[in-house]
């Protein structure tokens, strides 16, 4: 099954995937293959399971990274990336 990462919380290591069919799946860091973290907007391939607490993803691997978004100023000119 394929889908898109909706949200990812790096510190606790879990998030949600929206499957192409429209269903949402929980994913934990232990279910990832080839990476330890995900990025919002990444396309992923995974195996869907029905767990006792709801739908979850296993064997999750990234098939396309999240698209890059360029920040722009109000004038439309590219803005510099801000660092804190």
PDB file of N, CA and C in Angstrom:
ATOM      1  N   UNK A   1       0.854  -1.160   0.000  1.00  0.00           N
ATOM      2  CA  UNK A   1       0.000   0.000   0.000  1.00  0.00           C
ATOM      3  C   UNK A   1       0.907   1.231   0.000  1.00  0.00           C
ATOM      4  N   UNK A   2       0.464   2.318  -0.616  1.00  0.00           N
ATOM      5  CA  UNK A   2       1.252   3.548  -0.636  1.00  0.00           C
ATOM      6  C   UNK A   2       0.452   4.688  -0.024  1.00  0.00           C
ATOM      7  N   UNK A   3       1.188   5.720   0.421  1.00  0.00           N
ATOM      8  CA  UNK A   3       0.539   6.869   1.011  1.00  0.00           C
ATOM      9  C   UNK A   3       1.511   8.017   1.207  1.00  0.00           C
ATOM     10  N   UNK A   4       1.053   9.039   1.911  1.00  0.00           N
ATOM     11  CA  UNK A   4       1.828  10.250   2.171  1.00  0.00           C
ATOM     12  C   UNK A   4       1.896  10.492   3.672  1.00  0.00           C
ATOM     13  N   UNK A   5       3.076  10.885   4.158  1.00  0.00           N
ATOM     14  CA  UNK A   5       3.247  11.175   5.582  1.00  0.00           C
ATOM     15  C   UNK A   5       2.501  12.468   5.911  1.00  0.00           C
ATOM     16  N   UNK A   6       1.531  12.376   6.821  1.00  0.00           N
ATOM     17  CA  UNK A   6       0.747  13.535   7.248  1.00  0.00           C
ATOM     18  C   UNK A   6       1.440  14.304   8.356  1.00  0.00           C
ATOM     19  N   UNK A   7       1.963  13.570   9.327  1.00  0.00           N
ATOM     20  CA  UNK A   7       2.658  14.189  10.453  1.00  0.00           C
ATOM     21  C   UNK A   7       3.706  13.228  10.980  1.00  0.00           C
ATOM     22  N   UNK A   8       4.786  13.798  11.521  1.00  0.00           N
ATOM     23  CA  UNK A   8       5.859  12.991  12.084  1.00  0.00           C
ATOM     24  C   UNK A   8       6.456  13.734  13.262  1.00  0.00           C
ATOM     25  N   UNK A   9       6.501  13.064  14.404  1.00  0.00           N
ATOM     26  CA  UNK A   9       7.070  13.613  15.626  1.00  0.00           C
ATOM     27  C   UNK A   9       8.386  12.882  15.886  1.00  0.00           C
ATOM     28  N   UNK A  10       9.495  13.546  15.581  1.00  0.00           N
ATOM     29  CA  UNK A  10      10.813  12.903  15.613  1.00  0.00           C
ATOM     30  C   UNK A  10      11.235  12.447  17.000  1.00  0.00           C
ATOM     31  N   UNK A  11      10.993  13.257  18.012  1.00  0.00           N
ATOM     32  CA  UNK A  11      11.476  12.902  19.346  1.00  0.00           C
ATOM     33  C   UNK A  11      10.837  11.622  19.880  1.00  0.00           C
ATOM     34  N   UNK A  12       9.516  11.485  19.885  1.00  0.00           N
ATOM     35  CA  UNK A  12       8.950  10.213  20.328  1.00  0.00           C
ATOM     36  C   UNK A  12       9.012   9.134  19.239  1.00  0.00           C
ATOM     37  N   UNK A  13       9.155   9.549  17.969  1.00  0.00           N
ATOM     38  CA  UNK A  13       9.321   8.577  16.886  1.00  0.00           C
ATOM     39  C   UNK A  13       8.050   7.941  16.362  1.00  0.00           C
ATOM     40  N   UNK A  14       7.023   8.744  16.171  1.00  0.00           N
ATOM     41  CA  UNK A  14       5.801   8.204  15.580  1.00  0.00           C
ATOM     42  C   UNK A  14       5.095   9.277  14.763  1.00  0.00           C
ATOM     43  N   UNK A  15       4.117   8.842  13.957  1.00  0.00           N
ATOM     44  CA  UNK A  15       3.369   9.787  13.148  1.00  0.00           C
ATOM     45  C   UNK A  15       2.185   9.114  12.481  1.00  0.00           C
ATOM     46  N   UNK A  16       1.661   9.774  11.460  1.00  0.00           N
ATOM     47  CA  UNK A  16       0.493   9.263  10.740  1.00  0.00           C
ATOM     48  C   UNK A  16       0.745   9.333   9.245  1.00  0.00           C
ATOM     49  N   UNK A  17       0.195   8.343   8.547  1.00  0.00           N
ATOM     50  CA  UNK A  17       0.278   8.255   7.093  1.00  0.00           C
ATOM     51  C   UNK A  17      -1.144   8.276   6.548  1.00  0.00           C
ATOM     52  N   UNK A  18      -1.346   9.010   5.464  1.00  0.00           N
ATOM     53  CA  UNK A  18      -2.621   9.002   4.758  1.00  0.00           C
ATOM     54  C   UNK A  18      -2.448   8.112   3.532  1.00  0.00           C
ATOM     55  N   UNK A  19      -3.136   6.974   3.532  1.00  0.00           N
ATOM     56  CA  UNK A  19      -3.053   6.043   2.403  1.00  0.00           C
ATOM     57  C   UNK A  19      -3.739   6.660   1.186  1.00  0.00           C
ATOM     58  N   UNK A  20      -3.325   6.233   0.007  1.00  0.00           N
ATOM     59  CA  UNK A  20      -3.933   6.733  -1.224  1.00  0.00           C
ATOM     60  C   UNK A  20      -5.435   6.462  -1.256  1.00  0.00           C
ATOM     61  N   UNK A  21      -5.878   5.416  -0.558  1.00  0.00           N
ATOM     62  CA  UNK A  21      -7.302   5.085  -0.497  1.00  0.00           C
ATOM     63  C   UNK A  21      -8.071   5.981   0.471  1.00  0.00           C
ATOM     64  N   UNK A  22      -7.359   6.812   1.257  1.00  0.00           N
ATOM     65  CA  UNK A  22      -8.013   7.758   2.146  1.00  0.00           C
ATOM     66  C   UNK A  22      -7.989   7.407   3.619  1.00  0.00           C
ATOM     67  N   UNK A  23      -7.523   6.226   3.984  1.00  0.00           N
ATOM     68  CA  UNK A  23      -7.484   5.813   5.391  1.00  0.00           C
ATOM     69  C   UNK A  23      -6.188   6.286   6.053  1.00  0.00           C
ATOM     70  N   UNK A  24      -6.262   6.616   7.340  1.00  0.00           N
ATOM     71  CA  UNK A  24      -5.083   7.056   8.094  1.00  0.00           C
ATOM     72  C   UNK A  24      -4.513   5.898   8.896  1.00  0.00           C
ATOM     73  N   UNK A  25      -3.169   5.839   8.935  1.00  0.00           N
ATOM     74  CA  UNK A  25      -2.466   4.770   9.630  1.00  0.00           C
ATOM     75  C   UNK A  25      -1.447   5.352  10.585  1.00  0.00           C
ATOM     76  N   UNK A  26      -1.365   4.757  11.773  1.00  0.00           N
ATOM     77  CA  UNK A  26      -0.331   5.080  12.745  1.00  0.00           C
ATOM     78  C   UNK A  26       0.963   4.406  12.306  1.00  0.00           C
ATOM     79  N   UNK A  27       2.098   5.081  12.449  1.00  0.00           N
ATOM     80  CA  UNK A  27       3.394   4.467  12.150  1.00  0.00           C
ATOM     81  C   UNK A  27       4.371   4.821  13.269  1.00  0.00           C
ATOM     82  N   UNK A  28       5.133   3.818  13.710  1.00  0.00           N
ATOM     83  CA  UNK A  28       6.141   3.993  14.750  1.00  0.00           C
ATOM     84  C   UNK A  28       7.518   3.816  14.129  1.00  0.00           C
ATOM     85  N   UNK A  29       8.526   4.437  14.733  1.00  0.00           N
ATOM     86  CA  UNK A  29       9.902   4.361  14.227  1.00  0.00           C
ATOM     87  C   UNK A  29      10.367   2.910  14.021  1.00  0.00           C
ATOM     88  N   UNK A  30       9.908   1.995  14.853  1.00  0.00           N
ATOM     89  CA  UNK A  30      10.330   0.592  14.728  1.00  0.00           C
ATOM     90  C   UNK A  30       9.782  -0.059  13.462  1.00  0.00           C
ATOM     91  N   UNK A  31       8.794   0.559  12.808  1.00  0.00           N
ATOM     92  CA  UNK A  31       8.203   0.019  11.582  1.00  0.00           C
ATOM     93  C   UNK A  31       8.899   0.537  10.324  1.00  0.00           C
ATOM     94  N   UNK A  32       9.904   1.419  10.484  1.00  0.00           N
ATOM     95  CA  UNK A  32      10.584   2.007   9.335  1.00  0.00           C
ATOM     96  C   UNK A  32      11.708   1.102   8.833  1.00  0.00           C
ATOM     97  N   UNK A  33      11.891   1.093   7.519  1.00  0.00           N
ATOM     98  CA  UNK A  33      12.974   0.338   6.894  1.00  0.00           C
ATOM     99  C   UNK A  33      13.862   1.300   6.110  1.00  0.00           C
ATOM    100  N   UNK A  34      15.160   1.291   6.390  1.00  0.00           N
ATOM    101  CA  UNK A  34      16.106   2.114   5.648  1.00  0.00           C
ATOM    102  C   UNK A  34      16.252   3.542   6.143  1.00  0.00           C
ATOM    103  N   UNK A  35      15.513   3.926   7.153  1.00  0.00           N
ATOM    104  CA  UNK A  35      15.600   5.262   7.726  1.00  0.00           C
ATOM    105  C   UNK A  35      15.111   5.212   9.173  1.00  0.00           C
ATOM    106  N   UNK A  36      15.460   6.236   9.930  1.00  0.00           N
ATOM    107  CA  UNK A  36      14.995   6.292  11.318  1.00  0.00           C
ATOM    108  C   UNK A  36      13.937   7.362  11.517  1.00  0.00           C
ATOM    109  N   UNK A  37      13.773   8.245  10.516  1.00  0.00           N
ATOM    110  CA  UNK A  37      12.804   9.329  10.605  1.00  0.00           C
ATOM    111  C   UNK A  37      12.098   9.510   9.274  1.00  0.00           C
ATOM    112  N   UNK A  38      10.944  10.156   9.323  1.00  0.00           N
ATOM    113  CA  UNK A  38      10.184  10.495   8.120  1.00  0.00           C
ATOM    114  C   UNK A  38      10.041  12.009   8.043  1.00  0.00           C
ATOM    115  N   UNK A  39       9.683  12.494   6.871  1.00  0.00           N
ATOM    116  CA  UNK A  39       9.410  13.916   6.673  1.00  0.00           C
ATOM    117  C   UNK A  39       7.980  14.069   6.176  1.00  0.00           C
ATOM    118  N   UNK A  40       7.295  15.084   6.674  1.00  0.00           N
ATOM    119  CA  UNK A  40       5.931  15.348   6.233  1.00  0.00           C
ATOM    120  C   UNK A  40       5.953  15.587   4.720  1.00  0.00           C
ATOM    121  N   UNK A  41       5.049  14.911   4.024  1.00  0.00           N
ATOM    122  CA  UNK A  41       4.963  15.042   2.573  1.00  0.00           C
ATOM    123  C   UNK A  41       5.671  13.938   1.811  1.00  0.00           C
ATOM    124  N   UNK A  42       6.485  13.147   2.494  1.00  0.00           N
ATOM    125  CA  UNK A  42       7.171  12.034   1.833  1.00  0.00           C
ATOM    126  C   UNK A  42       6.168  10.982   1.389  1.00  0.00           C
ATOM    127  N   UNK A  43       6.432  10.353   0.263  1.00  0.00           N
ATOM    128  CA  UNK A  43       5.618   9.232  -0.210  1.00  0.00           C
ATOM    129  C   UNK A  43       6.241   7.961   0.346  1.00  0.00           C
ATOM    130  N   UNK A  44       5.419   7.068   0.863  1.00  0.00           N
ATOM    131  CA  UNK A  44       5.897   5.841   1.481  1.00  0.00           C
ATOM    132  C   UNK A  44       5.128   4.624   0.980  1.00  0.00           C
ATOM    133  N   UNK A  45       5.779   3.485   1.071  1.00  0.00           N
ATOM    134  CA  UNK A  45       5.185   2.187   0.775  1.00  0.00           C
ATOM    135  C   UNK A  45       5.150   1.439   2.099  1.00  0.00           C
ATOM    136  N   UNK A  46       4.045   0.783   2.420  1.00  0.00           N
ATOM    137  CA  UNK A  46       3.938   0.110   3.713  1.00  0.00           C
ATOM    138  C   UNK A  46       2.938  -1.031   3.641  1.00  0.00           C
ATOM    139  N   UNK A  47       2.964  -1.849   4.692  1.00  0.00           N
ATOM    140  CA  UNK A  47       2.018  -2.950   4.842  1.00  0.00           C
ATOM    141  C   UNK A  47       1.004  -2.517   5.898  1.00  0.00           C
ATOM    142  N   UNK A  48      -0.275  -2.612   5.571  1.00  0.00           N
ATOM    143  CA  UNK A  48      -1.339  -2.189   6.478  1.00  0.00           C
ATOM    144  C   UNK A  48      -1.764  -3.338   7.383  1.00  0.00           C
ATOM    145  N   UNK A  49      -1.893  -3.032   8.670  1.00  0.00           N
ATOM    146  CA  UNK A  49      -2.364  -3.994   9.659  1.00  0.00           C
ATOM    147  C   UNK A  49      -3.498  -3.382  10.457  1.00  0.00           C
ATOM    148  N   UNK A  50      -4.377  -4.230  10.947  1.00  0.00           N
ATOM    149  CA  UNK A  50      -5.435  -3.805  11.860  1.00  0.00           C
ATOM    150  C   UNK A  50      -5.040  -4.271  13.250  1.00  0.00           C
ATOM    151  N   UNK A  51      -4.541  -3.356  14.049  1.00  0.00           N
ATOM    152  CA  UNK A  51      -4.144  -3.694  15.401  1.00  0.00           C
ATOM    153  C   UNK A  51      -5.295  -3.486  16.366  1.00  0.00           C
ATOM    154  N   UNK A  52      -5.113  -3.867  17.624  1.00  0.00           N
ATOM    155  CA  UNK A  52      -6.170  -3.693  18.619  1.00  0.00           C
ATOM    156  C   UNK A  52      -6.490  -2.223  18.886  1.00  0.00           C
ATOM    157  N   UNK A  53      -5.548  -1.326  18.545  1.00  0.00           N
ATOM    158  CA  UNK A  53      -5.764   0.106  18.776  1.00  0.00           C
ATOM    159  C   UNK A  53      -6.049   0.851  17.473  1.00  0.00           C
ATOM    160  N   UNK A  54      -6.283   0.122  16.378  1.00  0.00           N
ATOM    161  CA  UNK A  54      -6.614   0.768  15.108  1.00  0.00           C
ATOM    162  C   UNK A  54      -5.622   0.436  14.008  1.00  0.00           C
ATOM    163  N   UNK A  55      -5.786   1.048  12.832  1.00  0.00           N
ATOM    164  CA  UNK A  55      -4.911   0.758  11.699  1.00  0.00           C
ATOM    165  C   UNK A  55      -3.483   1.236  11.940  1.00  0.00           C
ATOM    166  N   UNK A  56      -2.524   0.391  11.582  1.00  0.00           N
ATOM    167  CA  UNK A  56      -1.117   0.761  11.740  1.00  0.00           C
ATOM    168  C   UNK A  56      -0.323   0.308  10.528  1.00  0.00           C
ATOM    169  N   UNK A  57       0.804   0.960  10.298  1.00  0.00           N
ATOM    170  CA  UNK A  57       1.683   0.650   9.172  1.00  0.00           C
ATOM    171  C   UNK A  57       2.915  -0.087   9.664  1.00  0.00           C
ATOM    172  N   UNK A  58       3.340  -1.095   8.925  1.00  0.00           N
ATOM    173  CA  UNK A  58       4.569  -1.845   9.205  1.00  0.00           C
ATOM    174  C   UNK A  58       5.380  -1.908   7.923  1.00  0.00           C
ATOM    175  N   UNK A  59       6.675  -2.183   8.041  1.00  0.00           N
ATOM    176  CA  UNK A  59       7.532  -2.320   6.866  1.00  0.00           C
ATOM    177  C   UNK A  59       7.515  -1.067   6.000  1.00  0.00           C
ATOM    178  N   UNK A  60       7.509   0.089   6.633  1.00  0.00           N
ATOM    179  CA  UNK A  60       7.373   1.368   5.934  1.00  0.00           C
ATOM    180  C   UNK A  60       8.708   1.818   5.348  1.00  0.00           C
ATOM    181  N   UNK A  61       8.704   2.124   4.040  1.00  0.00           N
ATOM    182  CA  UNK A  61       9.917   2.640   3.404  1.00  0.00           C
ATOM    183  C   UNK A  61       9.570   3.822   2.510  1.00  0.00           C
ATOM    184  N   UNK A  62      10.493   4.776   2.442  1.00  0.00           N
ATOM    185  CA  UNK A  62      10.286   5.990   1.649  1.00  0.00           C
ATOM    186  C   UNK A  62      10.492   5.659   0.175  1.00  0.00           C
ATOM    187  N   UNK A  63       9.523   6.036  -0.666  1.00  0.00           N
ATOM    188  CA  UNK A  63       9.660   5.829  -2.115  1.00  0.00           C
ATOM    189  C   UNK A  63       9.878   7.154  -2.850  1.00  0.00           C
ATOM    190  N   UNK A  64       9.554   8.279  -2.217  1.00  0.00           N
ATOM    191  CA  UNK A  64       9.821   9.607  -2.781  1.00  0.00           C
ATOM    192  C   UNK A  64       9.921  10.598  -1.626  1.00  0.00           C
ATOM    193  N   UNK A  65      11.017  11.366  -1.567  1.00  0.00           N
ATOM    194  CA  UNK A  65      11.175  12.320  -0.473  1.00  0.00           C
ATOM    195  C   UNK A  65      10.147  13.440  -0.551  1.00  0.00           C
ATOM    196  N   UNK A  66      10.004  14.149   0.540  1.00  0.00           N
ATOM    197  CA  UNK A  66       9.073  15.278   0.586  1.00  0.00           C
ATOM    198  C   UNK A  66       9.534  16.349  -0.390  1.00  0.00           C
ATOM    199  N   UNK A  67       8.595  16.986  -1.088  1.00  0.00           N
ATOM    200  CA  UNK A  67       8.989  18.055  -2.011  1.00  0.00           C
ATOM    201  C   UNK A  67       9.549  19.243  -1.248  1.00  0.00           C
ATOM    202  N   UNK A  68      10.542  19.907  -1.836  1.00  0.00           N
ATOM    203  CA  UNK A  68      11.123  21.097  -1.228  1.00  0.00           C
ATOM    204  C   UNK A  68      10.210  22.276  -1.485  1.00  0.00           C
ATOM    205  N   UNK A  69      10.021  23.100  -0.470  1.00  0.00           N
ATOM    206  CA  UNK A  69       9.188  24.283  -0.597  1.00  0.00           C
ATOM    207  C   UNK A  69      10.085  25.495  -0.398  1.00  0.00           C
ATOM    208  N   UNK A  70      10.066  26.408  -1.362  1.00  0.00           N
ATOM    209  CA  UNK A  70      10.900  27.598  -1.258  1.00  0.00           C
ATOM    210  C   UNK A  70      10.108  28.714  -0.594  1.00  0.00           C
ATOM    211  N   UNK A  71      10.671  29.268   0.458  1.00  0.00           N
ATOM    212  CA  UNK A  71      10.023  30.380   1.146  1.00  0.00           C
ATOM    213  C   UNK A  71      10.161  31.645   0.307  1.00  0.00           C
ATOM    214  N   UNK A  72       9.120  32.447   0.268  1.00  0.00           N
ATOM    215  CA  UNK A  72       9.173  33.707  -0.473  1.00  0.00           C
ATOM    216  C   UNK A  72       8.705  34.844   0.419  1.00  0.00           C
ATOM    217  N   UNK A  73       9.221  36.025   0.128  1.00  0.00           N
ATOM    218  CA  UNK A  73       8.785  37.218   0.839  1.00  0.00           C
ATOM    219  C   UNK A  73       7.479  37.691   0.232  1.00  0.00           C
ATOM    220  N   UNK A  74       6.841  38.657   0.854  1.00  0.00           N
ATOM    221  CA  UNK A  74       5.567  39.186   0.366  1.00  0.00           C
ATOM    222  C   UNK A  74       5.696  39.733  -1.054  1.00  0.00           C
ATOM    223  N   UNK A  75       6.895  40.229  -1.418  1.00  0.00           N
ATOM    224  CA  UNK A  75       7.103  40.788  -2.750  1.00  0.00           C
ATOM    225  C   UNK A  75       7.199  39.705  -3.817  1.00  0.00           C
ATOM    226  N   UNK A  76       7.320  38.436  -3.381  1.00  0.00           N
ATOM    227  CA  UNK A  76       7.472  37.338  -4.327  1.00  0.00           C
ATOM    228  C   UNK A  76       8.919  36.947  -4.548  1.00  0.00           C
ATOM    229  N   UNK A  77       9.854  37.739  -4.016  1.00  0.00           N
ATOM    230  CA  UNK A  77      11.273  37.416  -4.149  1.00  0.00           C
ATOM    231  C   UNK A  77      11.635  36.307  -3.173  1.00  0.00           C
ATOM    232  N   UNK A  78      12.553  35.403  -3.554  1.00  0.00           N
ATOM    233  CA  UNK A  78      12.946  34.327  -2.639  1.00  0.00           C
ATOM    234  C   UNK A  78      13.503  34.899  -1.336  1.00  0.00           C
ATOM    235  N   UNK A  79      13.130  34.298  -0.245  1.00  0.00           N
ATOM    236  CA  UNK A  79      13.616  34.713   1.072  1.00  0.00           C
ATOM    237  C   UNK A  79      14.743  33.791   1.497  1.00  0.00           C
ATOM    238  N   UNK A  80      15.635  34.293   2.320  1.00  0.00           N
ATOM    239  CA  UNK A  80      16.711  33.472   2.861  1.00  0.00           C
ATOM    240  C   UNK A  80      16.142  32.568   3.955  1.00  0.00           C
ATOM    241  N   UNK A  81      16.723  31.401   4.078  1.00  0.00           N
ATOM    242  CA  UNK A  81      16.295  30.504   5.148  1.00  0.00           C
ATOM    243  C   UNK A  81      16.730  31.105   6.458  1.00  0.00           C
ATOM    244  N   UNK A  82      15.822  31.207   7.393  1.00  0.00           N
ATOM    245  CA  UNK A  82      16.127  31.795   8.700  1.00  0.00           C
ATOM    246  C   UNK A  82      16.716  30.738   9.615  1.00  0.00           C
ATOM    247  N   UNK A  83      17.699  31.108  10.374  1.00  0.00           N
ATOM    248  CA  UNK A  83      18.304  30.217  11.380  1.00  0.00           C
ATOM    249  C   UNK A  83      18.152  30.860  12.724  1.00  0.00           C
ATOM    250  N   UNK A  84      17.895  30.038  13.720  1.00  0.00           N
ATOM    251  CA  UNK A  84      17.743  30.592  15.066  1.00  0.00           C
ATOM    252  C   UNK A  84      19.040  30.509  15.820  1.00  0.00           C
TER     253      UNK A  84
END
